[in-house]
Amino acid sequence: MVTDPISDLLVRIQNGLRRRHDIVSIPASRLKRELLRILQNEGYIQGVEADLADGHPVLKVQLRYASEGKPVLTGAQRVSKPGRRVYVGIKDIPRVKNGIGVAILSTSKGLMTDQESRRAGLGGEVLCSVW
């Protein structure tokens, strides 16, 4: 059993990119599906497909590489952890790498990027940062 599924998702993606895999398989959940939807909309991954493996639902993530085989997603960091939750108000939403990266927040209206939550005027729990 995994105690931090979001951290597990980020590590699986980073390990897949380091090994130059095209597809990474991740155990499915609604939270992970939404997080991957944001990563796809921001252009960090190519696509997500739901599938079954050994009778359990999994998400097949198609990783994205730039020219010369370099990964588009170069780094990811888990901000709010099970042992230490990090909540921010509208004025304290972090900027990742001066706007190059994206912070993903869990708000009362669902998962959003840092820019979307600023536009909506919502704070929330900072789940992770990707760049």
N, C-alpha and C. Protein backbone atom coordinates (compact mmCIF):
# COMPACT_ATOMS: atom_id res chain seq x y z
N MET A 1 0.84 -1.18 0.00
CA MET A 1 0.00 0.00 0.00
C MET A 1 0.89 1.25 0.00
N VAL A 2 0.52 2.22 -0.79
CA VAL A 2 1.28 3.46 -0.92
C VAL A 2 0.66 4.50 0.01
N THR A 3 1.48 5.14 0.84
CA THR A 3 0.95 6.14 1.76
C THR A 3 0.79 7.51 1.12
N ASP A 4 1.54 7.80 0.05
CA ASP A 4 1.44 9.08 -0.63
C ASP A 4 1.32 8.83 -2.14
N PRO A 5 0.09 8.69 -2.66
CA PRO A 5 -0.10 8.34 -4.06
C PRO A 5 0.38 9.42 -5.05
N ILE A 6 0.32 10.68 -4.66
CA ILE A 6 0.75 11.75 -5.57
C ILE A 6 2.27 11.71 -5.73
N SER A 7 2.97 11.51 -4.64
CA SER A 7 4.42 11.39 -4.69
C SER A 7 4.81 10.17 -5.53
N ASP A 8 4.08 9.07 -5.37
CA ASP A 8 4.32 7.86 -6.15
C ASP A 8 4.15 8.14 -7.64
N LEU A 9 3.10 8.88 -8.01
CA LEU A 9 2.84 9.24 -9.40
C LEU A 9 4.00 10.05 -9.98
N LEU A 10 4.46 11.06 -9.24
CA LEU A 10 5.55 11.91 -9.72
C LEU A 10 6.85 11.12 -9.87
N VAL A 11 7.14 10.23 -8.93
CA VAL A 11 8.36 9.43 -8.98
C VAL A 11 8.31 8.46 -10.16
N ARG A 12 7.16 7.85 -10.40
CA ARG A 12 7.03 6.91 -11.53
C ARG A 12 7.25 7.63 -12.86
N ILE A 13 6.71 8.84 -12.98
CA ILE A 13 6.90 9.61 -14.21
C ILE A 13 8.37 9.99 -14.38
N GLN A 14 9.00 10.48 -13.31
CA GLN A 14 10.40 10.87 -13.40
C GLN A 14 11.30 9.67 -13.71
N ASN A 15 11.04 8.52 -13.09
CA ASN A 15 11.83 7.33 -13.37
C ASN A 15 11.65 6.87 -14.82
N GLY A 16 10.41 6.96 -15.33
CA GLY A 16 10.16 6.60 -16.72
C GLY A 16 10.89 7.52 -17.68
N LEU A 17 10.94 8.80 -17.36
CA LEU A 17 11.67 9.76 -18.21
C LEU A 17 13.17 9.50 -18.17
N ARG A 18 13.70 9.17 -17.00
CA ARG A 18 15.13 8.88 -16.89
C ARG A 18 15.53 7.65 -17.70
N ARG A 19 14.64 6.66 -17.74
CA ARG A 19 14.92 5.43 -18.48
C ARG A 19 14.45 5.50 -19.93
N ARG A 20 13.96 6.66 -20.35
CA ARG A 20 13.51 6.91 -21.73
C ARG A 20 12.35 6.00 -22.16
N HIS A 21 11.45 5.69 -21.23
CA HIS A 21 10.27 4.90 -21.57
C HIS A 21 9.26 5.77 -22.32
N ASP A 22 8.45 5.15 -23.16
CA ASP A 22 7.39 5.86 -23.86
C ASP A 22 6.12 5.92 -23.03
N ILE A 23 5.86 4.83 -22.29
CA ILE A 23 4.63 4.72 -21.51
C ILE A 23 4.97 4.26 -20.09
N VAL A 24 4.29 4.87 -19.11
CA VAL A 24 4.44 4.49 -17.71
C VAL A 24 3.06 4.09 -17.19
N SER A 25 2.98 3.01 -16.44
CA SER A 25 1.72 2.53 -15.89
C SER A 25 1.62 2.94 -14.42
N ILE A 26 0.46 3.52 -14.06
CA ILE A 26 0.24 4.04 -12.71
C ILE A 26 -1.12 3.54 -12.20
N PRO A 27 -1.22 3.07 -10.96
CA PRO A 27 -2.54 2.69 -10.43
C PRO A 27 -3.50 3.87 -10.48
N ALA A 28 -4.73 3.61 -10.88
CA ALA A 28 -5.70 4.67 -11.16
C ALA A 28 -6.43 5.17 -9.92
N SER A 29 -6.73 6.46 -9.92
CA SER A 29 -7.65 7.09 -8.97
C SER A 29 -8.14 8.38 -9.61
N ARG A 30 -9.22 8.94 -9.10
CA ARG A 30 -9.75 10.18 -9.67
C ARG A 30 -8.78 11.34 -9.50
N LEU A 31 -8.12 11.41 -8.34
CA LEU A 31 -7.17 12.48 -8.08
C LEU A 31 -6.00 12.42 -9.06
N LYS A 32 -5.47 11.23 -9.28
CA LYS A 32 -4.36 11.06 -10.21
C LYS A 32 -4.79 11.40 -11.63
N ARG A 33 -6.01 11.00 -12.01
CA ARG A 33 -6.53 11.30 -13.34
C ARG A 33 -6.62 12.81 -13.56
N GLU A 34 -7.09 13.54 -12.56
CA GLU A 34 -7.19 15.00 -12.67
C GLU A 34 -5.81 15.64 -12.72
N LEU A 35 -4.88 15.16 -11.91
CA LEU A 35 -3.52 15.69 -11.91
C LEU A 35 -2.87 15.46 -13.27
N LEU A 36 -3.07 14.29 -13.85
CA LEU A 36 -2.51 13.99 -15.17
C LEU A 36 -3.19 14.81 -16.26
N ARG A 37 -4.47 15.12 -16.09
CA ARG A 37 -5.17 15.98 -17.05
C ARG A 37 -4.52 17.36 -17.09
N ILE A 38 -4.19 17.89 -15.92
CA ILE A 38 -3.52 19.19 -15.85
C ILE A 38 -2.15 19.12 -16.49
N LEU A 39 -1.38 18.06 -16.20
CA LEU A 39 -0.06 17.91 -16.81
C LEU A 39 -0.16 17.81 -18.34
N GLN A 40 -1.21 17.16 -18.83
CA GLN A 40 -1.40 17.06 -20.28
C GLN A 40 -1.78 18.42 -20.87
N ASN A 41 -2.67 19.15 -20.21
CA ASN A 41 -3.07 20.47 -20.70
C ASN A 41 -1.90 21.45 -20.72
N GLU A 42 -0.98 21.30 -19.75
CA GLU A 42 0.18 22.17 -19.69
C GLU A 42 1.30 21.72 -20.62
N GLY A 43 1.16 20.55 -21.24
CA GLY A 43 2.13 20.08 -22.22
C GLY A 43 3.29 19.27 -21.67
N TYR A 44 3.18 18.79 -20.43
CA TYR A 44 4.27 18.01 -19.84
C TYR A 44 4.22 16.54 -20.21
N ILE A 45 3.02 16.02 -20.50
CA ILE A 45 2.88 14.64 -20.95
C ILE A 45 2.04 14.63 -22.22
N GLN A 46 2.14 13.54 -22.99
CA GLN A 46 1.43 13.48 -24.26
C GLN A 46 -0.02 13.06 -24.09
N GLY A 47 -0.28 12.07 -23.27
CA GLY A 47 -1.65 11.61 -23.12
C GLY A 47 -1.80 10.62 -21.98
N VAL A 48 -3.06 10.31 -21.66
CA VAL A 48 -3.39 9.37 -20.59
C VAL A 48 -4.49 8.45 -21.11
N GLU A 49 -4.35 7.17 -20.81
CA GLU A 49 -5.33 6.20 -21.24
C GLU A 49 -5.67 5.27 -20.06
N ALA A 50 -6.95 5.06 -19.82
CA ALA A 50 -7.38 4.16 -18.76
C ALA A 50 -7.33 2.72 -19.28
N ASP A 51 -6.91 1.79 -18.42
CA ASP A 51 -6.75 0.39 -18.82
C ASP A 51 -6.92 -0.50 -17.59
N LEU A 52 -6.92 -1.80 -17.81
CA LEU A 52 -6.97 -2.77 -16.72
C LEU A 52 -5.70 -3.62 -16.75
N ALA A 53 -5.12 -3.85 -15.58
CA ALA A 53 -3.97 -4.74 -15.46
C ALA A 53 -4.20 -5.64 -14.26
N ASP A 54 -4.27 -6.94 -14.49
CA ASP A 54 -4.54 -7.93 -13.45
C ASP A 54 -5.85 -7.63 -12.72
N GLY A 55 -6.83 -7.12 -13.43
CA GLY A 55 -8.13 -6.84 -12.84
C GLY A 55 -8.22 -5.52 -12.09
N HIS A 56 -7.13 -4.74 -12.06
CA HIS A 56 -7.11 -3.46 -11.36
C HIS A 56 -7.00 -2.32 -12.37
N PRO A 57 -7.71 -1.22 -12.15
CA PRO A 57 -7.61 -0.10 -13.09
C PRO A 57 -6.25 0.60 -13.00
N VAL A 58 -5.67 0.88 -14.15
CA VAL A 58 -4.40 1.60 -14.23
C VAL A 58 -4.52 2.72 -15.25
N LEU A 59 -3.64 3.69 -15.14
CA LEU A 59 -3.55 4.77 -16.10
C LEU A 59 -2.23 4.62 -16.85
N LYS A 60 -2.32 4.54 -18.16
CA LYS A 60 -1.13 4.45 -19.01
C LYS A 60 -0.80 5.86 -19.46
N VAL A 61 0.35 6.37 -19.00
CA VAL A 61 0.76 7.75 -19.28
C VAL A 61 1.79 7.73 -20.40
N GLN A 62 1.49 8.45 -21.49
CA GLN A 62 2.43 8.60 -22.59
C GLN A 62 3.32 9.79 -22.29
N LEU A 63 4.60 9.52 -22.11
CA LEU A 63 5.55 10.57 -21.76
C LEU A 63 5.91 11.38 -23.00
N ARG A 64 6.30 12.63 -22.77
CA ARG A 64 6.60 13.54 -23.88
C ARG A 64 8.06 13.95 -23.84
N TYR A 65 8.68 13.89 -25.00
CA TYR A 65 10.07 14.27 -25.12
C TYR A 65 10.20 15.39 -26.15
N ALA A 66 11.12 16.32 -25.92
CA ALA A 66 11.38 17.41 -26.86
C ALA A 66 12.39 16.91 -27.90
N SER A 67 12.90 17.81 -28.66
CA SER A 67 13.90 17.43 -29.67
C SER A 67 15.13 16.83 -28.99
N GLU A 68 15.81 15.97 -29.69
CA GLU A 68 17.00 15.29 -29.21
C GLU A 68 16.72 14.37 -28.02
N GLY A 69 15.48 13.97 -27.82
CA GLY A 69 15.13 13.01 -26.77
C GLY A 69 15.15 13.54 -25.35
N LYS A 70 15.20 14.87 -25.18
CA LYS A 70 15.18 15.42 -23.83
C LYS A 70 13.75 15.48 -23.31
N PRO A 71 13.53 15.09 -22.05
CA PRO A 71 12.16 15.12 -21.51
C PRO A 71 11.65 16.55 -21.36
N VAL A 72 10.36 16.74 -21.62
CA VAL A 72 9.74 18.06 -21.44
C VAL A 72 9.63 18.37 -19.95
N LEU A 73 9.24 17.40 -19.15
CA LEU A 73 9.15 17.57 -17.70
C LEU A 73 10.54 17.30 -17.12
N THR A 74 11.20 18.35 -16.66
CA THR A 74 12.57 18.19 -16.16
C THR A 74 12.64 18.02 -14.65
N GLY A 75 11.58 18.40 -13.94
CA GLY A 75 11.60 18.24 -12.50
C GLY A 75 10.21 18.33 -11.90
N ALA A 76 10.03 17.70 -10.76
CA ALA A 76 8.77 17.72 -10.03
C ALA A 76 9.06 17.61 -8.55
N GLN A 77 8.30 18.34 -7.75
CA GLN A 77 8.52 18.32 -6.30
C GLN A 77 7.17 18.27 -5.60
N ARG A 78 7.05 17.37 -4.65
CA ARG A 78 5.85 17.27 -3.83
C ARG A 78 5.96 18.34 -2.75
N VAL A 79 4.97 19.22 -2.64
CA VAL A 79 5.01 20.32 -1.67
C VAL A 79 4.28 19.92 -0.39
N SER A 80 3.00 19.63 -0.50
CA SER A 80 2.19 19.23 0.65
C SER A 80 2.27 17.72 0.79
N LYS A 81 2.71 17.27 1.94
CA LYS A 81 2.90 15.84 2.17
C LYS A 81 1.92 15.35 3.24
N PRO A 82 1.72 14.04 3.37
CA PRO A 82 0.79 13.56 4.40
C PRO A 82 1.16 13.99 5.81
N GLY A 83 2.44 14.14 6.10
CA GLY A 83 2.87 14.55 7.43
C GLY A 83 2.89 16.05 7.64
N ARG A 84 2.84 16.82 6.54
CA ARG A 84 2.90 18.28 6.64
C ARG A 84 2.13 18.88 5.48
N ARG A 85 0.89 19.24 5.71
CA ARG A 85 0.05 19.84 4.68
C ARG A 85 0.40 21.32 4.54
N VAL A 86 0.42 21.80 3.29
CA VAL A 86 0.75 23.20 3.01
C VAL A 86 -0.45 23.85 2.34
N TYR A 87 -1.07 24.81 3.05
CA TYR A 87 -2.21 25.54 2.53
C TYR A 87 -1.80 26.99 2.30
N VAL A 88 -2.31 27.58 1.22
CA VAL A 88 -1.99 28.98 0.91
C VAL A 88 -3.26 29.74 0.58
N GLY A 89 -3.21 31.03 0.87
CA GLY A 89 -4.29 31.92 0.47
C GLY A 89 -4.01 32.46 -0.92
N ILE A 90 -4.90 33.28 -1.41
CA ILE A 90 -4.77 33.82 -2.77
C ILE A 90 -3.49 34.62 -2.94
N LYS A 91 -3.06 35.33 -1.90
CA LYS A 91 -1.87 36.18 -2.01
C LYS A 91 -0.57 35.40 -1.89
N ASP A 92 -0.63 34.16 -1.41
CA ASP A 92 0.58 33.37 -1.17
C ASP A 92 0.79 32.23 -2.15
N ILE A 93 0.03 32.20 -3.25
CA ILE A 93 0.18 31.13 -4.23
C ILE A 93 1.57 31.22 -4.85
N PRO A 94 2.35 30.13 -4.81
CA PRO A 94 3.74 30.21 -5.27
C PRO A 94 3.88 30.30 -6.79
N ARG A 95 4.96 30.94 -7.22
CA ARG A 95 5.36 30.94 -8.62
C ARG A 95 6.51 29.94 -8.74
N VAL A 96 6.43 29.06 -9.71
CA VAL A 96 7.45 28.03 -9.88
C VAL A 96 8.41 28.46 -10.97
N LYS A 97 9.67 28.60 -10.63
CA LYS A 97 10.73 28.99 -11.57
C LYS A 97 10.35 30.26 -12.34
N ASN A 98 9.84 31.26 -11.61
CA ASN A 98 9.43 32.55 -12.19
C ASN A 98 8.41 32.41 -13.32
N GLY A 99 7.48 31.49 -13.16
CA GLY A 99 6.41 31.32 -14.13
C GLY A 99 6.68 30.27 -15.20
N ILE A 100 7.88 29.71 -15.24
CA ILE A 100 8.18 28.67 -16.23
C ILE A 100 7.50 27.37 -15.83
N GLY A 101 7.48 27.05 -14.55
CA GLY A 101 6.85 25.84 -14.05
C GLY A 101 5.42 26.09 -13.62
N VAL A 102 4.81 25.06 -13.09
CA VAL A 102 3.41 25.12 -12.68
C VAL A 102 3.26 24.52 -11.28
N ALA A 103 2.53 25.23 -10.42
CA ALA A 103 2.14 24.67 -9.13
C ALA A 103 0.71 24.16 -9.27
N ILE A 104 0.43 22.98 -8.75
CA ILE A 104 -0.91 22.40 -8.82
C ILE A 104 -1.52 22.45 -7.44
N LEU A 105 -2.70 23.08 -7.36
CA LEU A 105 -3.39 23.28 -6.08
C LEU A 105 -4.69 22.51 -6.05
N SER A 106 -5.05 22.05 -4.88
CA SER A 106 -6.35 21.45 -4.64
C SER A 106 -7.22 22.53 -4.00
N THR A 107 -8.23 22.99 -4.72
CA THR A 107 -9.10 24.06 -4.23
C THR A 107 -10.50 23.52 -3.99
N SER A 108 -11.38 24.37 -3.53
CA SER A 108 -12.77 23.96 -3.32
C SER A 108 -13.48 23.71 -4.65
N LYS A 109 -12.93 24.18 -5.75
CA LYS A 109 -13.51 23.96 -7.08
C LYS A 109 -12.77 22.87 -7.85
N GLY A 110 -11.91 22.09 -7.18
CA GLY A 110 -11.17 21.01 -7.81
C GLY A 110 -9.70 21.37 -7.99
N LEU A 111 -8.97 20.53 -8.70
CA LEU A 111 -7.56 20.78 -8.94
C LEU A 111 -7.39 21.89 -9.97
N MET A 112 -6.43 22.79 -9.71
CA MET A 112 -6.16 23.91 -10.61
C MET A 112 -4.67 24.20 -10.63
N THR A 113 -4.23 24.86 -11.69
CA THR A 113 -2.86 25.36 -11.74
C THR A 113 -2.80 26.65 -10.93
N ASP A 114 -1.59 27.12 -10.67
CA ASP A 114 -1.44 28.36 -9.90
C ASP A 114 -2.09 29.54 -10.63
N GLN A 115 -1.96 29.61 -11.94
CA GLN A 115 -2.56 30.71 -12.70
C GLN A 115 -4.08 30.67 -12.65
N GLU A 116 -4.66 29.48 -12.82
CA GLU A 116 -6.12 29.33 -12.78
C GLU A 116 -6.67 29.72 -11.41
N SER A 117 -5.98 29.32 -10.34
CA SER A 117 -6.48 29.63 -9.00
C SER A 117 -6.35 31.13 -8.69
N ARG A 118 -5.31 31.79 -9.24
CA ARG A 118 -5.21 33.25 -9.08
C ARG A 118 -6.36 33.94 -9.79
N ARG A 119 -6.66 33.50 -11.02
CA ARG A 119 -7.78 34.08 -11.78
C ARG A 119 -9.11 33.85 -11.08
N ALA A 120 -9.29 32.65 -10.50
CA ALA A 120 -10.54 32.32 -9.82
C ALA A 120 -10.62 32.94 -8.43
N GLY A 121 -9.50 33.43 -7.91
CA GLY A 121 -9.48 34.03 -6.58
C GLY A 121 -9.60 33.00 -5.47
N LEU A 122 -8.99 31.83 -5.69
CA LEU A 122 -9.08 30.74 -4.71
C LEU A 122 -7.70 30.34 -4.23
N GLY A 123 -7.59 30.05 -2.95
CA GLY A 123 -6.40 29.43 -2.38
C GLY A 123 -6.68 27.96 -2.18
N GLY A 124 -5.76 27.26 -1.56
CA GLY A 124 -5.98 25.84 -1.31
C GLY A 124 -4.70 25.14 -0.90
N GLU A 125 -4.71 23.83 -1.04
CA GLU A 125 -3.54 23.02 -0.68
C GLU A 125 -2.62 22.90 -1.90
N VAL A 126 -1.36 23.24 -1.74
CA VAL A 126 -0.38 23.13 -2.82
C VAL A 126 0.09 21.68 -2.87
N LEU A 127 -0.35 20.94 -3.89
CA LEU A 127 -0.01 19.53 -3.98
C LEU A 127 1.42 19.32 -4.47
N CYS A 128 1.78 19.96 -5.59
CA CYS A 128 3.11 19.75 -6.15
C CYS A 128 3.49 20.88 -7.10
N SER A 129 4.75 20.90 -7.46
CA SER A 129 5.28 21.84 -8.45
C SER A 129 5.99 21.04 -9.52
N VAL A 130 5.76 21.40 -10.78
CA VAL A 130 6.44 20.74 -11.89
C VAL A 130 7.08 21.80 -12.80
N TRP A 131 8.19 21.47 -13.40
CA TRP A 131 8.85 22.37 -14.34
C TRP A 131 9.59 21.58 -15.39
